Amino acid sequence: MDAQQRADLIAGISGLVLLVAIFLPWFGPSAAAEQAVQEAQEITARFNGETIETPDLTESAWHAFSFVKWVLLLTALVGIRAGVAALARRGGRSATGATAVTAGLGILSTLLILYRVINPIGEAGREYGLFVGFLAALGVAVGGWLALEQSAGSRPQSAESRREARRDSIGSRPDG
């Protein structure tokens, strides 16, 4: 297995993890919301009222986002495509355009999630799915980037670029 296939597999596995992470809890109740629920339960218990069920205030990326969820889903699917393509080909190269899309979407998703790590929605708390999603998007970006570097580095040189490579340090060709 060559370096480009390994890079595509990194993107593929990360895409699969991102697909799962989209449906994990990303945002939960803030400390203030948890305290309010606890105080309500204490007051209810003090006056012999019915027990209050704690509301589920967690949200996945799928429920919390409108447009961003589609970017994350597309990133996951493109990452998975890269991994499947790496497993399907034997010694061949993946298309540079597809690899560039994988890297680009991975970088975009990583930045979108990083923004929500720094600045969660409203006063929501951060849940584990947010961090799993961030690492998975970063994995798609890194896998795509590494595959793109391998793809660009393995291109055959043109005759002009071979002539340019033969120039010495002052710009003249050694053969003339």
Foldseek 3Di string as FASTA:
>chain_A
DDQLLVLLQLLQVLLVLLVVLQADFFWFAFPVLVVVLVVVQVVCVVVVHDGDDDDGGTDGNVVPDDVLSVLSNVLSVLSNVSNVVSVPDDPDADDLVSLVVQLVSLVVNLVVLVVCVVPPDDRIDGDPSSVSNNVSSPSSNRSSVSSNVVVVVPDDDDPVVVQQVQADPVGHHPVD
